[in-house]
Structures are given as C-alpha cells and as structure tokens.
Protein backbone atom coordinates (compact mmCIF):
# COMPACT_ATOMS: atom_id res chain seq x y z
CA MET A 1 25.77 22.85 12.81
CA SER A 2 25.22 19.33 13.69
CA GLN A 3 26.19 17.59 15.69
CA ARG A 4 28.76 14.59 14.97
CA VAL A 5 28.72 11.35 16.06
CA ASN A 6 31.88 8.67 15.54
CA ALA A 7 30.69 4.99 14.33
CA ARG A 8 32.99 4.20 17.16
CA ARG A 9 31.15 5.08 20.52
CA LEU A 10 27.87 3.52 18.49
CA GLN A 11 29.06 -0.07 20.97
CA LYS A 12 25.82 -0.84 23.20
CA ARG A 13 23.25 -2.50 21.22
CA VAL A 14 19.44 -1.39 21.71
CA GLU A 15 15.99 -2.54 20.47
CA LEU A 16 13.18 -0.41 19.42
CA PHE A 17 9.65 -1.35 20.47
CA GLN A 18 6.43 -0.12 18.45
CA LYS A 19 3.19 0.25 21.05
CA VAL A 20 1.33 -1.54 18.37
CA ALA A 21 -3.42 -2.09 18.50
CA ILE A 22 -4.15 -5.88 17.14
CA GLY A 23 -7.55 -6.90 16.58
CA ASP A 24 -8.53 -9.40 18.98
CA GLY A 25 -11.20 -11.11 16.86
CA PHE A 26 -13.95 -10.28 19.40
CA GLY A 27 -14.33 -6.54 18.31
CA GLY A 28 -11.73 -5.12 20.64
CA SER A 29 -8.26 -4.75 20.22
CA THR A 30 -4.70 -5.26 22.04
CA ILE A 31 -1.96 -3.46 22.68
CA ASN A 32 1.07 -5.58 21.58
CA ASN A 33 4.74 -4.17 21.05
CA VAL A 34 6.36 -4.91 17.71
CA LEU A 35 10.42 -5.23 16.95
CA VAL A 36 10.68 -2.30 15.12
CA ASN A 37 14.42 -2.68 14.52
CA SER A 38 17.67 -3.36 16.53
CA TYR A 39 20.36 -0.28 16.12
CA TRP A 40 23.30 0.01 17.53
CA THR A 41 23.52 3.69 20.16
CA GLU A 42 25.72 5.38 22.02
CA PHE A 43 24.15 4.81 25.74
CA LYS A 44 24.54 7.36 27.74
CA SER A 45 23.58 8.90 31.47
CA ALA A 46 21.94 12.17 31.13
CA ASN A 47 24.13 13.39 33.56
CA SER A 48 26.65 13.08 31.63
CA LYS A 49 25.58 15.47 29.18
CA GLY A 50 26.42 18.65 30.23
CA SER A 51 23.23 20.98 29.65
CA ASN A 52 19.96 19.48 30.71
CA ASN A 53 17.36 21.99 28.48
CA ASP A 54 15.73 19.08 27.02
CA LEU A 55 14.62 17.33 29.91
CA VAL A 56 13.71 19.78 31.83
CA ALA A 57 11.40 21.66 29.19
CA LEU A 58 10.32 17.81 29.18
CA GLY A 59 8.95 18.24 33.17
CA ILE A 60 11.82 15.79 34.38
CA GLN A 61 13.00 17.03 37.77
CA ASP A 62 15.13 13.68 38.75
CA PHE A 63 17.51 13.01 35.99
CA ASN A 64 18.36 9.17 37.01
CA GLU A 65 17.27 6.50 35.34
CA VAL A 66 17.37 9.53 32.61
CA TYR A 67 19.71 8.16 28.67
CA THR A 68 20.24 9.76 26.14
CA LEU A 69 20.67 7.37 23.13
CA THR A 70 21.47 7.92 19.80
CA ILE A 71 21.11 6.06 16.45
CA ARG A 72 21.29 6.41 12.95
CA ASP A 73 19.18 5.53 10.86
CA ASN A 74 16.14 7.92 8.51
CA VAL A 75 13.38 6.17 10.05
CA GLN A 76 10.27 8.29 10.13
CA PHE A 77 8.92 8.16 13.69
CA ASN A 78 6.07 9.21 15.70
CA ASP A 79 4.51 10.29 18.76
CA PRO A 80 7.50 9.19 21.43
CA LYS A 81 5.14 7.86 23.60
CA LEU A 82 4.65 5.22 20.42
CA TYR A 83 8.03 3.60 21.31
CA ASP A 84 9.87 1.44 23.81
CA VAL A 85 13.73 0.63 24.39
CA VAL A 86 15.35 -2.49 26.03
CA TYR A 87 18.96 -2.12 26.93
CA LYS A 88 20.25 -6.16 28.36
CA GLY A 89 16.97 -6.72 29.02
CA PHE A 90 15.60 -3.36 30.87
CA ARG A 91 12.93 -1.89 29.54
CA TYR A 92 12.78 2.06 28.53
CA GLU A 93 9.88 4.35 27.68
CA VAL A 94 10.92 6.83 25.25
CA LEU A 95 10.15 10.61 26.95
CA SER A 96 11.39 12.12 23.51
CA ILE A 97 12.80 12.07 19.91
CA LYS A 98 14.39 13.87 18.09
CA ARG A 99 16.98 14.71 14.74
CA ILE A 100 19.95 16.17 15.40
CA ASP A 101 21.69 15.79 11.28
CA LEU A 102 20.40 18.32 8.66
CA ARG A 103 20.69 14.97 6.75
CA GLY A 104 18.06 13.44 9.26
CA THR A 105 19.90 9.94 9.69
CA LYS A 106 21.12 11.12 12.88
CA THR A 107 18.31 10.92 15.99
CA GLU A 108 18.47 11.01 20.13
CA LEU A 109 15.76 9.74 22.04
CA ILE A 110 15.72 10.40 25.61
CA VAL A 111 14.80 7.55 27.73
CA ARG A 112 13.78 6.59 31.08
CA GLN A 113 13.06 3.21 32.86
CA TYR A 114 10.17 1.53 33.84
CA PRO A 115 10.01 0.40 37.82
CA ASN A 116 10.81 -3.47 38.28
C-alpha cells in the first residue's frame, strides 16, 4: 500500500540541482550545478521518521544533519550522486532517491547537509 502525502504538509520550498559536465572550450569540461526544478516538500529530520533502516542500509550511522524530503513529481531521477538540494541557503547532498507510491508521483529523497 502506498504512503499518502497530504498536500498541506508540503510547506518547505527547496531547489533541486543536477551536476552536469559542460565543455570549457579547450577540450575539457567543468562540472556545473543546473537547476532542475523548485519543489514544495515535506522536510523532516531523519530521526523523526521512526525506523532508520533505509539510513543504515546506506551506511549512515550518525543521523545528525540527515533529512528526508517528500516531493510530488513524476520526473525520472538518475543516480542520486548527481543531485544537490538547496534549502534556506544550505546545500545538501542527495544520498537516496526512491518512489513511494505506485503511480510514481511521490518521491522520497534522503539528504545530508554538506559541511560548512
């Protein structure tokens, strides 16, 4: 059974960036962050989720600065390492992306804040 996400819970605005290699004009390339989209999300601490099985499977032992985001979108995401999230001026690396409903419209991202 799919998890329901109440639209009223999607109250935090985040920006999702994808790392893209762009030619530098000299035969090489540089990695730039390109804005994919802005989303209204449910932004929660990973500790508030109850079960941390997904985080342990990712090799995370320290749950500080680890958050789960729920977005509504039907975009097909690639490798999580290609994405960053920006929320309130802070940048977060995406550790995991998974669909949480059968129609593919709700996606959960597990993110960790980059050190300053």
